[in-house]
Structures are given as structure tokens and as C-alpha cells.
């Protein structure tokens, strides 16, 4: 994923996610298409929120301030 800005870092911390949830979200955001298949569960909950934070710029094709 590379570096993230301070705003995204603060948003991720605010989710209260544990390391396992963070790693899962990063795997989803990295485009590892097998994550859901390997874990046998859909993207949901805190993992989905972190995924949204990590990919929001890609989704809208712009940089956030």
C-alpha cells in the first residue's frame, strides 16, 4: 500500500481495528482477489471501513486534502 497520509492514519486508528483486521483490509486494498475466497467471508465490518479509507482516493480518482 505504501505511505498513507496523517488523516487516513487517524481515521484507521479511530476504527479501533486490531492488527489482524488491518492486515486483512490491506490485503483487500492491494487487490488480492483471493482474500475473500481464502477467508471464506465477505468484506465487512471494521475491515470494510479500513478498506474504504485506504481506497477512497482510487474510488473517486482524486487526492484528498
N, C-alpha and C. Protein backbone atom coordinates (compact mmCIF):
# COMPACT_ATOMS: atom_id res chain seq x y z
N UNK A 1 0.82 -1.19 0.00
CA UNK A 1 0.00 0.00 0.00
C UNK A 1 0.86 1.25 0.00
N UNK A 2 2.02 1.19 0.57
CA UNK A 2 2.86 2.37 0.60
C UNK A 2 2.49 3.29 1.75
N UNK A 3 2.93 4.53 1.65
CA UNK A 3 2.67 5.50 2.70
C UNK A 3 1.24 5.98 2.64
N UNK A 4 0.70 6.32 3.82
CA UNK A 4 -0.62 6.94 3.88
C UNK A 4 -0.48 8.26 4.61
N UNK A 5 -1.41 9.18 4.35
CA UNK A 5 -1.31 10.49 4.99
C UNK A 5 -1.82 10.42 6.44
N UNK A 6 -1.58 11.49 7.17
CA UNK A 6 -1.95 11.55 8.58
C UNK A 6 -3.45 11.42 8.80
N UNK A 7 -4.24 11.97 7.90
CA UNK A 7 -5.69 11.90 8.04
C UNK A 7 -6.16 10.46 7.94
N UNK A 8 -5.67 9.74 6.94
CA UNK A 8 -6.05 8.33 6.81
C UNK A 8 -5.58 7.52 8.02
N UNK A 9 -4.36 7.79 8.49
CA UNK A 9 -3.85 7.07 9.65
C UNK A 9 -4.76 7.30 10.86
N UNK A 10 -5.17 8.53 11.08
CA UNK A 10 -6.05 8.85 12.21
C UNK A 10 -7.40 8.18 12.05
N UNK A 11 -7.94 8.15 10.84
CA UNK A 11 -9.22 7.50 10.59
C UNK A 11 -9.13 6.00 10.87
N UNK A 12 -8.02 5.39 10.47
CA UNK A 12 -7.84 3.96 10.70
C UNK A 12 -7.71 3.67 12.19
N UNK A 13 -6.93 4.48 12.91
CA UNK A 13 -6.80 4.31 14.35
C UNK A 13 -8.16 4.44 15.03
N UNK A 14 -8.96 5.39 14.57
CA UNK A 14 -10.28 5.62 15.17
C UNK A 14 -11.23 4.43 15.00
N UNK A 15 -10.94 3.54 14.06
CA UNK A 15 -11.82 2.36 13.89
C UNK A 15 -11.65 1.38 15.03
N UNK A 16 -10.52 1.46 15.74
CA UNK A 16 -10.26 0.52 16.83
C UNK A 16 -9.84 -0.85 16.33
N UNK A 17 -9.43 -0.94 15.08
CA UNK A 17 -9.06 -2.22 14.47
C UNK A 17 -7.84 -2.82 15.15
N UNK A 18 -7.81 -4.16 15.16
CA UNK A 18 -6.62 -4.84 15.63
C UNK A 18 -5.70 -5.12 14.43
N UNK A 19 -4.53 -5.64 14.69
CA UNK A 19 -3.55 -5.87 13.63
C UNK A 19 -4.07 -6.84 12.57
N UNK A 20 -4.76 -7.87 12.98
CA UNK A 20 -5.30 -8.85 12.03
C UNK A 20 -6.30 -8.19 11.08
N UNK A 21 -7.17 -7.34 11.61
CA UNK A 21 -8.15 -6.63 10.78
C UNK A 21 -7.45 -5.68 9.82
N UNK A 22 -6.43 -4.99 10.30
CA UNK A 22 -5.68 -4.07 9.45
C UNK A 22 -4.99 -4.84 8.32
N UNK A 23 -4.36 -5.95 8.64
CA UNK A 23 -3.68 -6.75 7.61
C UNK A 23 -4.67 -7.26 6.57
N UNK A 24 -5.85 -7.68 7.02
CA UNK A 24 -6.87 -8.17 6.09
C UNK A 24 -7.33 -7.05 5.16
N UNK A 25 -7.56 -5.87 5.71
CA UNK A 25 -8.00 -4.73 4.89
C UNK A 25 -6.93 -4.35 3.87
N UNK A 26 -5.68 -4.37 4.28
CA UNK A 26 -4.59 -4.04 3.36
C UNK A 26 -4.53 -5.08 2.23
N UNK A 27 -4.73 -6.34 2.57
CA UNK A 27 -4.74 -7.38 1.54
C UNK A 27 -5.86 -7.14 0.54
N UNK A 28 -7.05 -6.81 1.04
CA UNK A 28 -8.16 -6.49 0.13
C UNK A 28 -7.81 -5.29 -0.74
N UNK A 29 -7.28 -4.23 -0.12
CA UNK A 29 -6.98 -2.99 -0.85
C UNK A 29 -5.84 -3.17 -1.85
N UNK A 30 -4.97 -4.13 -1.60
CA UNK A 30 -3.86 -4.40 -2.50
C UNK A 30 -4.30 -5.13 -3.76
N UNK A 31 -5.56 -5.53 -3.79
CA UNK A 31 -6.09 -6.19 -4.97
C UNK A 31 -5.90 -7.69 -4.96
N UNK A 32 -5.63 -8.24 -3.80
CA UNK A 32 -5.50 -9.70 -3.69
C UNK A 32 -6.90 -10.29 -3.81
N UNK A 33 -7.27 -10.69 -5.01
CA UNK A 33 -8.62 -11.16 -5.29
C UNK A 33 -9.02 -12.41 -4.56
N UNK A 34 -8.07 -13.14 -4.03
CA UNK A 34 -8.38 -14.40 -3.36
C UNK A 34 -8.66 -14.22 -1.87
N UNK A 35 -8.52 -13.01 -1.34
CA UNK A 35 -8.68 -12.81 0.10
C UNK A 35 -10.02 -13.34 0.58
N UNK A 36 -11.09 -12.92 -0.04
CA UNK A 36 -12.42 -13.36 0.37
C UNK A 36 -12.60 -14.85 0.23
N UNK A 37 -12.06 -15.42 -0.83
CA UNK A 37 -12.15 -16.86 -1.03
C UNK A 37 -11.36 -17.60 0.04
N UNK A 38 -10.15 -17.14 0.31
CA UNK A 38 -9.29 -17.79 1.29
C UNK A 38 -9.89 -17.73 2.69
N UNK A 39 -10.48 -16.61 3.04
CA UNK A 39 -11.05 -16.44 4.37
C UNK A 39 -12.48 -16.93 4.46
N UNK A 40 -13.09 -17.18 3.33
CA UNK A 40 -14.48 -17.64 3.25
C UNK A 40 -15.44 -16.69 3.95
N UNK A 41 -15.18 -15.40 3.81
CA UNK A 41 -16.11 -14.39 4.34
C UNK A 41 -16.00 -13.14 3.48
N UNK A 42 -17.07 -12.39 3.40
CA UNK A 42 -17.05 -11.16 2.59
C UNK A 42 -16.37 -10.01 3.35
N UNK A 43 -16.08 -8.98 2.62
CA UNK A 43 -15.53 -7.75 3.19
C UNK A 43 -16.64 -7.10 4.02
N UNK A 44 -16.41 -6.94 5.32
CA UNK A 44 -17.47 -6.40 6.19
C UNK A 44 -16.86 -5.80 7.46
N UNK A 45 -17.67 -5.04 8.18
CA UNK A 45 -17.30 -4.50 9.48
C UNK A 45 -16.13 -3.54 9.44
N UNK A 46 -15.27 -3.67 10.45
CA UNK A 46 -14.11 -2.79 10.58
C UNK A 46 -13.18 -2.95 9.37
N UNK A 47 -13.03 -4.18 8.88
CA UNK A 47 -12.17 -4.42 7.72
C UNK A 47 -12.69 -3.63 6.52
N UNK A 48 -13.99 -3.63 6.31
CA UNK A 48 -14.58 -2.88 5.20
C UNK A 48 -14.36 -1.38 5.38
N UNK A 49 -14.45 -0.90 6.61
CA UNK A 49 -14.23 0.53 6.86
C UNK A 49 -12.79 0.92 6.56
N UNK A 50 -11.84 0.12 6.98
CA UNK A 50 -10.43 0.41 6.69
C UNK A 50 -10.19 0.34 5.18
N UNK A 51 -10.76 -0.65 4.54
CA UNK A 51 -10.64 -0.77 3.07
C UNK A 51 -11.15 0.51 2.41
N UNK A 52 -12.28 1.01 2.86
CA UNK A 52 -12.84 2.25 2.30
C UNK A 52 -11.88 3.41 2.50
N UNK A 53 -11.30 3.51 3.69
CA UNK A 53 -10.35 4.59 3.98
C UNK A 53 -9.14 4.49 3.05
N UNK A 54 -8.63 3.29 2.88
CA UNK A 54 -7.44 3.09 2.07
C UNK A 54 -7.67 3.33 0.58
N UNK A 55 -8.89 3.09 0.12
CA UNK A 55 -9.15 3.13 -1.32
C UNK A 55 -10.01 4.30 -1.77
N UNK A 56 -10.39 5.19 -0.88
CA UNK A 56 -11.29 6.28 -1.23
C UNK A 56 -10.75 7.13 -2.37
N UNK A 57 -9.46 7.40 -2.39
CA UNK A 57 -8.88 8.22 -3.46
C UNK A 57 -8.96 7.51 -4.80
N UNK A 58 -8.75 6.20 -4.80
CA UNK A 58 -8.84 5.42 -6.04
C UNK A 58 -10.28 5.40 -6.55
N UNK A 59 -11.21 5.30 -5.62
CA UNK A 59 -12.62 5.23 -5.97
C UNK A 59 -13.09 6.49 -6.70
N UNK A 60 -12.62 7.64 -6.21
CA UNK A 60 -13.05 8.90 -6.80
C UNK A 60 -12.01 9.49 -7.75
N UNK A 61 -10.87 8.85 -7.87
CA UNK A 61 -9.84 9.29 -8.81
C UNK A 61 -9.25 10.65 -8.49
N UNK A 62 -9.17 10.96 -7.19
CA UNK A 62 -8.62 12.27 -6.81
C UNK A 62 -7.91 12.16 -5.49
N UNK A 63 -7.12 13.18 -5.18
CA UNK A 63 -6.42 13.27 -3.92
C UNK A 63 -7.28 14.02 -2.91
N UNK A 64 -7.23 13.54 -1.65
CA UNK A 64 -7.93 14.27 -0.59
C UNK A 64 -6.97 15.26 0.02
N UNK A 65 -7.51 16.35 0.56
CA UNK A 65 -6.67 17.34 1.25
C UNK A 65 -6.52 16.98 2.68
